[in-house]
Amino acid sequence: MLDCLILGDSIAFGTHQVKPECVAIAKSGINSENWNRTYGHRPELNLDWPIVVISLGSNDHRGIHTRQELENLRSSLHGKNVFWILPAIKPQIQQIVKDIAAAHNDHVIPIRSVSPDQVHPTAQGYREISNQIR
């Protein structure tokens, strides 16, 4: 059994569907500010997880301080291997995710097979993401 924690939005929720052995704290449509406000104090975040997967940023808008929100989340985590699922949209947020991941020596997983909405992975895309999480 894989000990992992998946955090974030609908993409995190979809990732959990292909990795049901993981614990997930995910909500469709949530932005990083609301995720931190709603779930940022959950006790699961204080555990030492072998693997943590984060998918946030796709739902952020101009009023969200994405860098601060994602950095606050990342700084609170105790994960041996942390993976960020790179949003398929919003190049500025993609760069923020890459910067935070690099600063913490985390892994970044791009969405290679994107559904027609250009945001979510296809079924194959979720399998590809799942295969990179180890």
N, C-alpha and C. Protein backbone atom coordinates (compact mmCIF):
# COMPACT_ATOMS: atom_id res chain seq x y z
N MET A 1 0.83 -1.19 0.00
CA MET A 1 0.00 0.00 0.00
C MET A 1 0.88 1.25 0.00
N LEU A 2 0.51 2.18 -0.83
CA LEU A 2 1.25 3.42 -0.97
C LEU A 2 0.72 4.43 0.03
N ASP A 3 1.59 4.98 0.84
CA ASP A 3 1.19 6.01 1.79
C ASP A 3 1.34 7.36 1.13
N CYS A 4 0.23 7.92 0.70
CA CYS A 4 0.33 9.21 0.03
C CYS A 4 -0.89 10.07 0.33
N LEU A 5 -0.69 11.35 0.15
CA LEU A 5 -1.70 12.37 0.39
C LEU A 5 -1.84 13.19 -0.88
N ILE A 6 -3.08 13.35 -1.35
CA ILE A 6 -3.37 14.15 -2.54
C ILE A 6 -4.18 15.36 -2.10
N LEU A 7 -3.72 16.56 -2.48
CA LEU A 7 -4.34 17.80 -2.05
C LEU A 7 -4.74 18.63 -3.26
N GLY A 8 -5.92 19.27 -3.18
CA GLY A 8 -6.22 20.25 -4.20
C GLY A 8 -7.61 20.28 -4.75
N ASP A 9 -7.67 20.47 -6.06
CA ASP A 9 -8.88 20.79 -6.80
C ASP A 9 -9.43 19.57 -7.53
N SER A 10 -10.20 19.79 -8.58
CA SER A 10 -10.80 18.68 -9.32
C SER A 10 -9.76 17.77 -9.95
N ILE A 11 -8.61 18.30 -10.31
CA ILE A 11 -7.56 17.46 -10.87
C ILE A 11 -6.99 16.55 -9.78
N ALA A 12 -6.89 17.06 -8.58
CA ALA A 12 -6.49 16.22 -7.45
C ALA A 12 -7.54 15.13 -7.21
N PHE A 13 -8.81 15.51 -7.29
CA PHE A 13 -9.90 14.55 -7.12
C PHE A 13 -9.80 13.45 -8.18
N GLY A 14 -9.58 13.83 -9.43
CA GLY A 14 -9.43 12.85 -10.51
C GLY A 14 -8.21 11.96 -10.32
N THR A 15 -7.13 12.53 -9.82
CA THR A 15 -5.93 11.74 -9.55
C THR A 15 -6.22 10.71 -8.47
N HIS A 16 -7.00 11.09 -7.49
CA HIS A 16 -7.38 10.15 -6.44
C HIS A 16 -8.20 8.98 -7.01
N GLN A 17 -8.95 9.23 -8.06
CA GLN A 17 -9.74 8.16 -8.66
C GLN A 17 -8.85 7.06 -9.24
N VAL A 18 -7.66 7.42 -9.71
CA VAL A 18 -6.74 6.41 -10.24
C VAL A 18 -5.72 5.97 -9.20
N LYS A 19 -5.69 6.63 -8.06
CA LYS A 19 -4.83 6.26 -6.93
C LYS A 19 -5.67 6.22 -5.66
N PRO A 20 -6.66 5.32 -5.61
CA PRO A 20 -7.58 5.30 -4.47
C PRO A 20 -6.92 4.89 -3.16
N GLU A 21 -5.73 4.35 -3.23
CA GLU A 21 -5.02 3.97 -2.00
C GLU A 21 -4.50 5.19 -1.25
N CYS A 22 -4.52 6.34 -1.88
CA CYS A 22 -4.06 7.58 -1.25
C CYS A 22 -5.20 8.24 -0.48
N VAL A 23 -4.84 9.06 0.47
CA VAL A 23 -5.79 9.91 1.17
C VAL A 23 -5.92 11.18 0.34
N ALA A 24 -7.14 11.65 0.14
CA ALA A 24 -7.33 12.87 -0.65
C ALA A 24 -8.10 13.92 0.14
N ILE A 25 -7.63 15.15 0.01
CA ILE A 25 -8.35 16.31 0.51
C ILE A 25 -8.49 17.22 -0.70
N ALA A 26 -9.59 17.05 -1.41
CA ALA A 26 -9.78 17.72 -2.69
C ALA A 26 -11.21 18.16 -2.87
N LYS A 27 -11.38 19.28 -3.57
CA LYS A 27 -12.71 19.80 -3.86
C LYS A 27 -12.69 20.42 -5.25
N SER A 28 -13.61 20.01 -6.07
CA SER A 28 -13.70 20.56 -7.42
C SER A 28 -13.97 22.06 -7.38
N GLY A 29 -13.29 22.79 -8.25
CA GLY A 29 -13.51 24.22 -8.40
C GLY A 29 -12.85 25.11 -7.37
N ILE A 30 -12.12 24.54 -6.43
CA ILE A 30 -11.55 25.33 -5.35
C ILE A 30 -10.27 26.03 -5.80
N ASN A 31 -10.08 27.25 -5.34
CA ASN A 31 -8.82 27.95 -5.63
C ASN A 31 -7.89 27.78 -4.43
N SER A 32 -6.66 28.21 -4.59
CA SER A 32 -5.66 27.96 -3.54
C SER A 32 -5.97 28.70 -2.24
N GLU A 33 -6.50 29.91 -2.34
CA GLU A 33 -6.85 30.66 -1.12
C GLU A 33 -7.96 29.94 -0.34
N ASN A 34 -9.00 29.54 -1.03
CA ASN A 34 -10.10 28.85 -0.36
C ASN A 34 -9.67 27.48 0.15
N TRP A 35 -8.78 26.82 -0.57
CA TRP A 35 -8.28 25.52 -0.10
C TRP A 35 -7.55 25.71 1.23
N ASN A 36 -6.66 26.67 1.28
CA ASN A 36 -5.91 26.91 2.52
C ASN A 36 -6.84 27.30 3.66
N ARG A 37 -7.82 28.16 3.37
CA ARG A 37 -8.74 28.60 4.41
C ARG A 37 -9.60 27.43 4.91
N THR A 38 -10.05 26.58 4.01
CA THR A 38 -10.96 25.50 4.36
C THR A 38 -10.25 24.28 4.92
N TYR A 39 -9.12 23.90 4.31
CA TYR A 39 -8.46 22.64 4.65
C TYR A 39 -7.06 22.79 5.23
N GLY A 40 -6.53 23.98 5.24
CA GLY A 40 -5.13 24.19 5.62
C GLY A 40 -4.76 23.84 7.04
N HIS A 41 -5.74 23.61 7.88
CA HIS A 41 -5.46 23.27 9.29
C HIS A 41 -5.81 21.83 9.62
N ARG A 42 -6.05 21.02 8.59
CA ARG A 42 -6.40 19.62 8.82
C ARG A 42 -5.22 18.89 9.44
N PRO A 43 -5.45 17.99 10.38
CA PRO A 43 -4.35 17.28 11.04
C PRO A 43 -3.53 16.40 10.09
N GLU A 44 -4.13 15.96 9.00
CA GLU A 44 -3.39 15.13 8.04
C GLU A 44 -2.17 15.85 7.47
N LEU A 45 -2.24 17.17 7.42
CA LEU A 45 -1.13 17.94 6.84
C LEU A 45 0.10 17.92 7.73
N ASN A 46 -0.06 17.60 9.00
CA ASN A 46 1.06 17.59 9.93
C ASN A 46 1.79 16.25 10.00
N LEU A 47 1.28 15.25 9.29
CA LEU A 47 1.90 13.93 9.31
C LEU A 47 3.07 13.88 8.33
N ASP A 48 3.98 12.96 8.57
CA ASP A 48 5.11 12.75 7.66
C ASP A 48 4.69 11.75 6.59
N TRP A 49 4.35 12.26 5.41
CA TRP A 49 3.89 11.43 4.31
C TRP A 49 5.06 11.06 3.41
N PRO A 50 5.17 9.80 3.00
CA PRO A 50 6.20 9.45 2.00
C PRO A 50 5.98 10.20 0.69
N ILE A 51 4.70 10.40 0.32
CA ILE A 51 4.38 11.08 -0.93
C ILE A 51 3.24 12.06 -0.70
N VAL A 52 3.40 13.28 -1.24
CA VAL A 52 2.34 14.28 -1.24
C VAL A 52 2.18 14.76 -2.68
N VAL A 53 0.94 14.84 -3.14
CA VAL A 53 0.64 15.34 -4.48
C VAL A 53 -0.24 16.57 -4.33
N ILE A 54 0.12 17.65 -5.03
CA ILE A 54 -0.62 18.91 -4.94
C ILE A 54 -1.08 19.32 -6.34
N SER A 55 -2.36 19.64 -6.45
CA SER A 55 -2.90 20.23 -7.68
C SER A 55 -3.74 21.43 -7.29
N LEU A 56 -3.15 22.59 -7.41
CA LEU A 56 -3.85 23.84 -7.14
C LEU A 56 -3.33 24.92 -8.09
N GLY A 57 -4.15 25.92 -8.33
CA GLY A 57 -3.74 27.04 -9.17
C GLY A 57 -4.61 27.21 -10.40
N SER A 58 -5.17 26.13 -10.90
CA SER A 58 -5.99 26.22 -12.11
C SER A 58 -7.21 27.11 -11.91
N ASN A 59 -7.74 27.17 -10.70
CA ASN A 59 -8.93 27.96 -10.41
C ASN A 59 -8.62 29.33 -9.81
N ASP A 60 -7.35 29.66 -9.72
CA ASP A 60 -6.98 30.97 -9.16
C ASP A 60 -7.26 32.07 -10.17
N HIS A 61 -7.56 33.25 -9.67
CA HIS A 61 -7.83 34.42 -10.50
C HIS A 61 -7.02 35.59 -9.95
N ARG A 62 -7.16 36.74 -10.57
CA ARG A 62 -6.35 37.90 -10.18
C ARG A 62 -6.42 38.27 -8.72
N GLY A 63 -7.52 38.04 -8.07
CA GLY A 63 -7.66 38.40 -6.67
C GLY A 63 -6.97 37.44 -5.70
N ILE A 64 -6.45 36.37 -6.21
CA ILE A 64 -5.78 35.37 -5.38
C ILE A 64 -4.27 35.62 -5.42
N HIS A 65 -3.63 35.60 -4.28
CA HIS A 65 -2.17 35.73 -4.22
C HIS A 65 -1.59 34.31 -4.29
N THR A 66 -1.55 33.79 -5.50
CA THR A 66 -1.23 32.38 -5.72
C THR A 66 0.13 32.00 -5.13
N ARG A 67 1.14 32.79 -5.40
CA ARG A 67 2.48 32.44 -4.89
C ARG A 67 2.46 32.30 -3.37
N GLN A 68 1.89 33.26 -2.70
CA GLN A 68 1.83 33.23 -1.23
C GLN A 68 1.01 32.04 -0.75
N GLU A 69 -0.13 31.80 -1.37
CA GLU A 69 -1.00 30.69 -0.95
C GLU A 69 -0.31 29.34 -1.13
N LEU A 70 0.31 29.14 -2.29
CA LEU A 70 0.97 27.85 -2.54
C LEU A 70 2.21 27.68 -1.68
N GLU A 71 2.93 28.76 -1.46
CA GLU A 71 4.11 28.69 -0.59
C GLU A 71 3.69 28.39 0.85
N ASN A 72 2.62 29.01 1.31
CA ASN A 72 2.12 28.73 2.66
C ASN A 72 1.76 27.26 2.80
N LEU A 73 1.07 26.73 1.82
CA LEU A 73 0.71 25.31 1.85
C LEU A 73 1.97 24.45 1.86
N ARG A 74 2.87 24.71 0.94
CA ARG A 74 4.07 23.87 0.83
C ARG A 74 4.90 23.92 2.10
N SER A 75 5.01 25.08 2.70
CA SER A 75 5.81 25.23 3.91
C SER A 75 5.23 24.47 5.09
N SER A 76 3.94 24.19 5.04
CA SER A 76 3.30 23.48 6.15
C SER A 76 3.36 21.96 6.01
N LEU A 77 3.83 21.47 4.87
CA LEU A 77 3.79 20.03 4.61
C LEU A 77 5.06 19.32 5.04
N HIS A 78 4.89 18.06 5.42
CA HIS A 78 6.00 17.20 5.78
C HIS A 78 5.97 15.99 4.86
N GLY A 79 6.45 16.17 3.66
CA GLY A 79 6.44 15.09 2.69
C GLY A 79 7.84 14.76 2.23
N LYS A 80 8.14 13.47 2.15
CA LYS A 80 9.46 13.06 1.67
C LYS A 80 9.60 13.36 0.18
N ASN A 81 8.58 12.99 -0.59
CA ASN A 81 8.54 13.27 -2.03
C ASN A 81 7.27 14.05 -2.31
N VAL A 82 7.43 15.27 -2.79
CA VAL A 82 6.28 16.12 -3.08
C VAL A 82 6.21 16.31 -4.60
N PHE A 83 5.01 16.08 -5.13
CA PHE A 83 4.75 16.21 -6.56
C PHE A 83 3.72 17.30 -6.78
N TRP A 84 3.98 18.18 -7.72
CA TRP A 84 3.03 19.22 -8.12
C TRP A 84 2.51 18.86 -9.49
N ILE A 85 1.19 18.83 -9.64
CA ILE A 85 0.61 18.65 -10.97
C ILE A 85 0.51 20.05 -11.57
N LEU A 86 1.23 20.25 -12.66
CA LEU A 86 1.31 21.56 -13.29
C LEU A 86 -0.01 21.89 -13.98
N PRO A 87 -0.61 23.02 -13.65
CA PRO A 87 -1.86 23.39 -14.35
C PRO A 87 -1.63 23.41 -15.85
N ALA A 88 -2.63 23.00 -16.60
CA ALA A 88 -2.53 22.99 -18.06
C ALA A 88 -2.74 24.37 -18.66
N ILE A 89 -3.23 25.30 -17.84
CA ILE A 89 -3.53 26.66 -18.29
C ILE A 89 -2.80 27.66 -17.40
N LYS A 90 -2.89 28.92 -17.77
CA LYS A 90 -2.36 30.03 -16.98
C LYS A 90 -0.84 29.97 -16.82
N PRO A 91 -0.11 30.38 -17.85
CA PRO A 91 1.36 30.33 -17.81
C PRO A 91 1.99 30.99 -16.59
N GLN A 92 1.41 32.09 -16.08
CA GLN A 92 1.99 32.74 -14.90
C GLN A 92 1.89 31.84 -13.68
N ILE A 93 0.79 31.14 -13.55
CA ILE A 93 0.63 30.22 -12.42
C ILE A 93 1.49 28.99 -12.62
N GLN A 94 1.64 28.54 -13.84
CA GLN A 94 2.56 27.43 -14.11
C GLN A 94 3.96 27.79 -13.61
N GLN A 95 4.40 29.02 -13.89
CA GLN A 95 5.74 29.43 -13.46
C GLN A 95 5.83 29.48 -11.94
N ILE A 96 4.79 29.94 -11.28
CA ILE A 96 4.79 29.97 -9.82
C ILE A 96 4.94 28.56 -9.27
N VAL A 97 4.19 27.61 -9.81
CA VAL A 97 4.28 26.22 -9.37
C VAL A 97 5.70 25.69 -9.58
N LYS A 98 6.27 25.95 -10.74
CA LYS A 98 7.64 25.50 -11.03
C LYS A 98 8.63 26.13 -10.05
N ASP A 99 8.49 27.41 -9.76
CA ASP A 99 9.41 28.10 -8.85
C ASP A 99 9.34 27.51 -7.44
N ILE A 100 8.13 27.30 -6.94
CA ILE A 100 7.98 26.75 -5.59
C ILE A 100 8.51 25.33 -5.54
N ALA A 101 8.19 24.55 -6.55
CA ALA A 101 8.70 23.17 -6.60
C ALA A 101 10.22 23.16 -6.61
N ALA A 102 10.83 24.01 -7.42
CA ALA A 102 12.30 24.06 -7.49
C ALA A 102 12.90 24.48 -6.15
N ALA A 103 12.29 25.44 -5.49
CA ALA A 103 12.80 25.92 -4.20
C ALA A 103 12.79 24.84 -3.13
N HIS A 104 11.90 23.86 -3.27
CA HIS A 104 11.77 22.80 -2.28
C HIS A 104 12.28 21.45 -2.78
N ASN A 105 12.92 21.44 -3.95
CA ASN A 105 13.40 20.20 -4.57
C ASN A 105 12.27 19.19 -4.78
N ASP A 106 11.11 19.71 -5.17
CA ASP A 106 9.94 18.88 -5.45
C ASP A 106 9.93 18.48 -6.92
N HIS A 107 9.00 17.61 -7.26
CA HIS A 107 8.82 17.14 -8.63
C HIS A 107 7.62 17.85 -9.25
N VAL A 108 7.69 18.12 -10.55
CA VAL A 108 6.58 18.72 -11.29
C VAL A 108 6.12 17.74 -12.35
N ILE A 109 4.82 17.50 -12.38
CA ILE A 109 4.24 16.59 -13.37
C ILE A 109 3.34 17.41 -14.30
N PRO A 110 3.74 17.54 -15.57
CA PRO A 110 2.87 18.26 -16.50
C PRO A 110 1.70 17.37 -16.94
N ILE A 111 0.61 18.00 -17.32
CA ILE A 111 -0.53 17.28 -17.88
C ILE A 111 -0.28 17.17 -19.37
N ARG A 112 0.01 15.97 -19.83
CA ARG A 112 0.35 15.78 -21.24
C ARG A 112 -0.86 15.46 -22.11
N SER A 113 -1.81 14.75 -21.59
CA SER A 113 -3.03 14.41 -22.34
C SER A 113 -4.19 15.19 -21.74
N VAL A 114 -4.56 16.29 -22.42
CA VAL A 114 -5.56 17.21 -21.89
C VAL A 114 -6.90 16.96 -22.57
N SER A 115 -7.96 17.02 -21.77
CA SER A 115 -9.32 16.82 -22.29
C SER A 115 -9.74 18.02 -23.14
N PRO A 116 -10.87 17.95 -23.83
CA PRO A 116 -11.31 19.06 -24.68
C PRO A 116 -11.49 20.39 -23.93
N ASP A 117 -11.70 20.35 -22.61
CA ASP A 117 -11.83 21.62 -21.89
C ASP A 117 -10.50 22.33 -21.70
N GLN A 118 -9.41 21.68 -22.09
CA GLN A 118 -8.05 22.22 -22.01
C GLN A 118 -7.56 22.45 -20.59
N VAL A 119 -8.26 21.90 -19.59
CA VAL A 119 -7.89 22.07 -18.20
C VAL A 119 -7.57 20.72 -17.55
N HIS A 120 -8.48 19.78 -17.71
CA HIS A 120 -8.37 18.50 -17.02
C HIS A 120 -7.67 17.45 -17.89
N PRO A 121 -6.98 16.52 -17.26
CA PRO A 121 -6.40 15.42 -18.02
C PRO A 121 -7.49 14.50 -18.57
N THR A 122 -7.15 13.80 -19.63
CA THR A 122 -8.00 12.72 -20.12
C THR A 122 -7.80 11.52 -19.19
N ALA A 123 -8.55 10.46 -19.40
CA ALA A 123 -8.35 9.24 -18.60
C ALA A 123 -6.90 8.78 -18.73
N GLN A 124 -6.37 8.81 -19.95
CA GLN A 124 -4.97 8.45 -20.16
C GLN A 124 -4.05 9.42 -19.44
N GLY A 125 -4.40 10.70 -19.43
CA GLY A 125 -3.60 11.69 -18.73
C GLY A 125 -3.53 11.42 -17.24
N TYR A 126 -4.65 11.03 -16.65
CA TYR A 126 -4.63 10.68 -15.22
C TYR A 126 -3.77 9.45 -14.97
N ARG A 127 -3.82 8.48 -15.85
CA ARG A 127 -2.96 7.30 -15.69
C ARG A 127 -1.48 7.69 -15.80
N GLU A 128 -1.18 8.59 -16.72
CA GLU A 128 0.22 9.05 -16.86
C GLU A 128 0.69 9.77 -15.59
N ILE A 129 -0.17 10.60 -15.04
CA ILE A 129 0.16 11.29 -13.79
C ILE A 129 0.40 10.25 -12.68
N SER A 130 -0.51 9.31 -12.57
CA SER A 130 -0.42 8.28 -11.53
C SER A 130 0.88 7.48 -11.63
N ASN A 131 1.28 7.19 -12.85
CA ASN A 131 2.51 6.40 -13.05
C ASN A 131 3.76 7.15 -12.63
N GLN A 132 3.71 8.47 -12.57
CA GLN A 132 4.89 9.26 -12.18
C GLN A 132 4.99 9.47 -10.68
N ILE A 133 3.92 9.14 -9.97
CA ILE A 133 3.90 9.35 -8.52
C ILE A 133 4.44 8.09 -7.84
N ARG A 134 5.65 8.20 -7.34
CA ARG A 134 6.25 7.06 -6.59
C ARG A 134 7.31 7.56 -5.65
